[in-house]
Protein backbone atom coordinates (compact mmCIF):
# COMPACT_ATOMS: atom_id res chain seq x y z
CA UNK A 1 9.35 -2.04 -13.78
CA UNK A 2 5.71 -3.13 -13.49
CA UNK A 3 6.78 -6.28 -12.32
CA UNK A 4 5.52 -5.58 -8.76
CA UNK A 5 1.99 -4.31 -10.10
CA UNK A 6 1.70 -7.57 -12.20
CA UNK A 7 2.62 -9.64 -9.44
CA UNK A 8 0.05 -7.93 -7.49
CA UNK A 9 -2.55 -8.51 -9.91
CA UNK A 10 -1.65 -12.13 -10.30
CA UNK A 11 -1.93 -12.65 -6.30
CA UNK A 12 -5.41 -10.99 -6.25
CA UNK A 13 -6.39 -13.37 -9.24
CA UNK A 14 -5.13 -16.41 -7.47
CA UNK A 15 -6.39 -15.62 -4.14
CA UNK A 16 -9.90 -15.02 -5.51
CA UNK A 17 -9.99 -18.40 -7.63
CA UNK A 18 -8.82 -20.07 -4.15
CA UNK A 19 -11.44 -18.41 -2.29
CA UNK A 20 -14.11 -19.24 -4.52
CA UNK A 21 -12.94 -22.70 -4.50
CA UNK A 22 -12.96 -22.96 -0.67
CA UNK A 23 -16.18 -20.88 0.07
CA UNK A 24 -15.65 -20.19 3.76
CA UNK A 25 -13.72 -23.49 4.61
CA UNK A 26 -10.49 -21.73 5.34
CA UNK A 27 -9.97 -21.56 9.08
CA UNK A 28 -9.63 -17.89 10.48
CA UNK A 29 -6.38 -18.97 12.20
CA UNK A 30 -4.66 -19.51 8.79
CA UNK A 31 -5.63 -16.23 7.75
CA UNK A 32 -4.37 -14.65 10.86
CA UNK A 33 -0.75 -16.45 11.01
CA UNK A 34 -0.10 -15.67 7.18
CA UNK A 35 -1.07 -11.78 7.85
CA UNK A 36 1.25 -12.03 11.01
CA UNK A 37 3.96 -13.39 8.85
CA UNK A 38 3.59 -10.80 6.10
CA UNK A 39 3.50 -7.97 8.88
CA UNK A 40 7.15 -9.20 10.08
CA UNK A 41 8.19 -9.00 6.27
CA UNK A 42 6.81 -5.74 6.15
CA UNK A 43 8.80 -4.48 9.07
CA UNK A 44 12.02 -6.09 7.34
CA UNK A 45 11.46 -4.19 4.28
CA UNK A 46 10.97 -0.93 6.32
CA UNK A 47 14.10 -1.48 8.06
CA UNK A 48 16.18 -2.11 4.96
CA UNK A 49 14.72 0.99 3.44
CA UNK A 50 15.64 2.98 6.48
CA UNK A 51 19.43 2.25 6.24
CA UNK A 52 19.75 3.96 3.11
CA UNK A 53 19.21 7.58 4.96
CA UNK A 54 22.31 9.88 4.33
CA UNK A 55 21.15 12.37 6.73
CA UNK A 56 19.11 11.32 9.56
CA UNK A 57 18.23 15.02 10.40
CA UNK A 58 16.42 15.23 6.82
CA UNK A 59 14.39 12.32 7.78
CA UNK A 60 13.52 13.67 11.21
CA UNK A 61 12.67 16.92 9.81
CA UNK A 62 10.58 15.50 7.02
CA UNK A 63 8.66 13.08 9.24
CA UNK A 64 7.41 15.95 11.53
CA UNK A 65 6.46 18.37 9.02
CA UNK A 66 5.00 15.71 7.04
CA UNK A 67 3.11 14.45 10.13
CA UNK A 68 1.95 17.95 10.66
CA UNK A 69 0.67 18.58 7.26
CA UNK A 70 -1.03 15.34 7.03
CA UNK A 71 -2.90 15.67 10.26
CA UNK A 72 -4.09 19.36 9.16
CA UNK A 73 -5.24 18.07 5.78
CA UNK A 74 -6.62 14.45 7.66
CA UNK A 75 -5.67 12.54 4.67
CA UNK A 76 -6.35 9.29 6.22
CA UNK A 77 -9.98 10.27 7.58
CA UNK A 78 -10.78 11.86 4.17
CA UNK A 79 -9.74 8.42 2.45
CA UNK A 80 -11.68 6.54 4.99
CA UNK A 81 -14.72 8.49 4.55
CA UNK A 82 -14.52 8.64 0.69
CA UNK A 83 -14.11 4.79 0.66
CA UNK A 84 -17.31 4.29 3.02
CA UNK A 85 -19.27 6.70 0.98
CA UNK A 86 -18.27 4.97 -2.33
CA UNK A 87 -18.84 1.55 -1.12
CA UNK A 88 -22.37 2.35 0.73
CA UNK A 89 -23.71 4.30 -2.37
CA UNK A 90 -22.66 1.33 -4.99
CA UNK A 91 -23.58 -1.45 -2.59
CA UNK A 92 -27.31 0.00 -1.96
CA UNK A 93 -27.73 0.71 -5.74
CA UNK A 94 -26.27 -2.60 -7.20
CA UNK A 95 -25.99 -6.38 -5.90
CA UNK A 96 -23.38 -8.46 -4.50
CA UNK A 97 -20.93 -8.20 -7.45
CA UNK A 98 -20.76 -4.66 -7.08
CA UNK A 99 -20.15 -4.90 -3.14
CA UNK A 100 -17.34 -7.42 -3.76
CA UNK A 101 -15.57 -5.03 -6.84
CA UNK A 102 -15.96 -1.75 -4.47
CA UNK A 103 -14.79 -3.01 -1.38
CA UNK A 104 -11.89 -5.09 -2.57
CA UNK A 105 -10.87 -2.31 -5.00
CA UNK A 106 -10.85 0.15 -1.97
CA UNK A 107 -8.95 -2.08 0.17
CA UNK A 108 -6.17 -2.59 -2.39
CA UNK A 109 -6.10 0.67 -3.72
CA UNK A 110 -6.51 3.27 -0.78
CA UNK A 111 -3.62 2.61 1.32
CA UNK A 112 -0.01 3.80 1.87
CA UNK A 113 1.25 0.44 0.70
CA UNK A 114 0.15 1.05 -2.85
CA UNK A 115 1.60 4.54 -3.14
CA UNK A 116 4.79 3.69 -1.55
CA UNK A 117 5.29 0.39 -3.41
CA UNK A 118 4.50 1.78 -6.88
CA UNK A 119 7.04 4.90 -6.01
CA UNK A 120 9.92 2.56 -4.90
CA UNK A 121 9.30 0.52 -8.09
CA UNK A 122 9.56 3.62 -10.36
CA UNK A 123 12.39 5.42 -8.82
CA UNK A 124 14.72 2.54 -8.03
CA UNK A 125 13.31 -0.50 -9.83
CA UNK A 126 12.73 -2.12 -6.34
CA UNK A 127 9.38 -3.97 -6.08
CA UNK A 128 9.81 -5.72 -2.74
CA UNK A 129 7.26 -3.51 -1.30
CA UNK A 130 4.71 -4.31 -3.97
CA UNK A 131 5.59 -8.16 -3.38
CA UNK A 132 4.57 -7.76 0.18
CA UNK A 133 1.55 -6.16 -0.76
CA UNK A 134 0.74 -8.99 -3.20
CA UNK A 135 0.90 -11.47 -0.42
CA UNK A 136 -1.40 -9.02 1.99
CA UNK A 137 -3.79 -8.67 -1.19
CA UNK A 138 -3.87 -12.28 -1.95
CA UNK A 139 -4.75 -13.61 1.71
CA UNK A 140 -7.55 -10.75 1.70
CA UNK A 141 -8.68 -11.81 -1.61
CA UNK A 142 -9.09 -15.33 -0.35
CA UNK A 143 -11.45 -14.19 2.40
CA UNK A 144 -13.35 -11.70 0.19
CA UNK A 145 -14.00 -14.11 -2.56
CA UNK A 146 -15.22 -16.74 -0.36
CA UNK A 147 -17.79 -14.56 1.06
CA UNK A 148 -18.48 -11.78 -1.45
CA UNK A 149 -18.05 -13.68 -4.59
CA UNK A 150 -16.45 -13.15 -8.15
CA UNK A 151 -16.65 -9.50 -8.27
CA UNK A 152 -13.35 -9.56 -6.44
CA UNK A 153 -11.64 -10.65 -9.59
CA UNK A 154 -12.64 -7.74 -11.31
CA UNK A 155 -10.63 -5.25 -8.92
CA UNK A 156 -7.46 -6.30 -10.87
CA UNK A 157 -8.31 -3.66 -13.46
CA UNK A 158 -8.13 -0.68 -11.26
CA UNK A 159 -5.35 -1.83 -8.98
CA UNK A 160 -3.29 -2.22 -12.37
CA UNK A 161 -4.30 1.00 -13.51
CA UNK A 162 -3.76 2.95 -10.31
CA UNK A 163 -0.41 1.31 -9.41
CA UNK A 164 0.97 1.23 -12.87
CA UNK A 165 0.19 4.75 -13.41
CA UNK A 166 2.25 5.78 -10.11
CA UNK A 167 5.11 3.58 -11.07
CA UNK A 168 5.35 4.83 -14.67
CA UNK A 169 5.12 8.30 -13.24
CA UNK A 170 7.89 7.96 -10.72
CA UNK A 171 10.02 6.40 -13.45
CA UNK A 172 9.66 9.60 -15.66
CA UNK A 173 10.68 11.71 -12.55
CA UNK A 174 13.87 9.46 -11.63
CA UNK A 175 16.37 10.97 -13.94
CA UNK A 176 15.80 14.68 -12.61
CA UNK A 177 16.25 13.17 -9.01
CA UNK A 178 19.77 12.93 -7.17
CA UNK A 179 20.76 9.77 -5.37
CA UNK A 180 20.55 11.73 -2.22
CA UNK A 181 17.05 12.75 -2.78
CA UNK A 182 15.93 9.37 -3.70
CA UNK A 183 17.87 7.95 -0.53
CA UNK A 184 16.06 10.58 1.65
CA UNK A 185 12.51 9.35 0.23
CA UNK A 186 13.47 5.65 0.32
CA UNK A 187 14.43 6.16 4.16
CA UNK A 188 11.27 8.40 4.89
CA UNK A 189 9.18 5.68 3.23
CA UNK A 190 10.75 3.05 5.07
CA UNK A 191 9.44 4.56 8.56
CA UNK A 192 6.09 4.49 6.95
CA UNK A 193 6.50 1.00 5.96
CA UNK A 194 7.73 0.21 9.55
CA UNK A 195 4.46 1.90 10.61
CA UNK A 196 2.25 -0.49 8.29
CA UNK A 197 4.14 -3.56 9.52
CA UNK A 198 3.02 -2.52 13.19
CA UNK A 199 -0.22 -1.83 12.22
CA UNK A 200 -0.44 -5.28 10.49
CA UNK A 201 0.75 -6.87 13.48
CA UNK A 202 -1.96 -4.80 15.65
CA UNK A 203 1.10 -3.62 17.86
CA UNK A 204 -0.25 -0.19 17.25
CA UNK A 205 -2.72 1.98 15.06
CA UNK A 206 -0.35 4.51 13.26
CA UNK A 207 -2.33 6.83 10.93
CA UNK A 208 0.29 6.19 8.09
CA UNK A 209 -1.59 7.75 5.40
CA UNK A 210 -1.29 11.16 7.28
CA UNK A 211 2.33 10.75 7.27
CA UNK A 212 2.62 10.33 3.33
CA UNK A 213 3.41 14.26 2.70
CA UNK A 214 6.83 13.44 4.56
CA UNK A 215 8.02 11.78 1.30
CA UNK A 216 7.73 15.06 -0.42
CA UNK A 217 9.08 17.06 2.35
CA UNK A 218 11.90 14.64 2.29
CA UNK A 219 12.83 15.21 -1.41
CA UNK A 220 12.56 18.82 -0.80
CA UNK A 221 14.78 18.83 2.34
CA UNK A 222 17.36 16.54 0.66
CA UNK A 223 17.45 19.05 -2.44
CA UNK A 224 18.09 22.11 -0.25
CA UNK A 225 20.74 20.46 1.77
């Protein structure tokens, strides 16, 4: 437990140090192909998770209800507005260090991969999602550090606390969840991971954050079934 979060923190540190050393010398095509490779791996993990489904109907119902709830709550839009507001306010009041810290922290923390990966790590001890996220964050930190500076390095603190907290909380709940509930949550989360992979590859623009309630619905539906 927590190995995924530790790997994520290490990837950000290494990416930041590499970015500071390169100082905008890394071609954009290198970042692009690296992100595409990680996008394909993300989809592979999603497919693997989907195959754990015991009852496809539970996953179907969960996705539909979760999507409706997420859209009504406008989760993704609220997260985007929150991030933009915090970034704009702090960036105006402070210097480049704060801008680098806030921008990178929001990117690493405010997203479905952080939540899904931490849940998977806590519930099943599977940190493959967080390892993929580590790759994505590592590539992003190279670009951020080369342009924004050393403030990116300090984003590792909120990332460790945020993801580690979710992982620990999920591990405490795990003994009270049956295998069918965990499988339903995993399969539903796998579909969301597939959506993230499609977004990374720029094949689609699925509002994955608005689908996050589907995981909770899956737990309830599997319990009822």
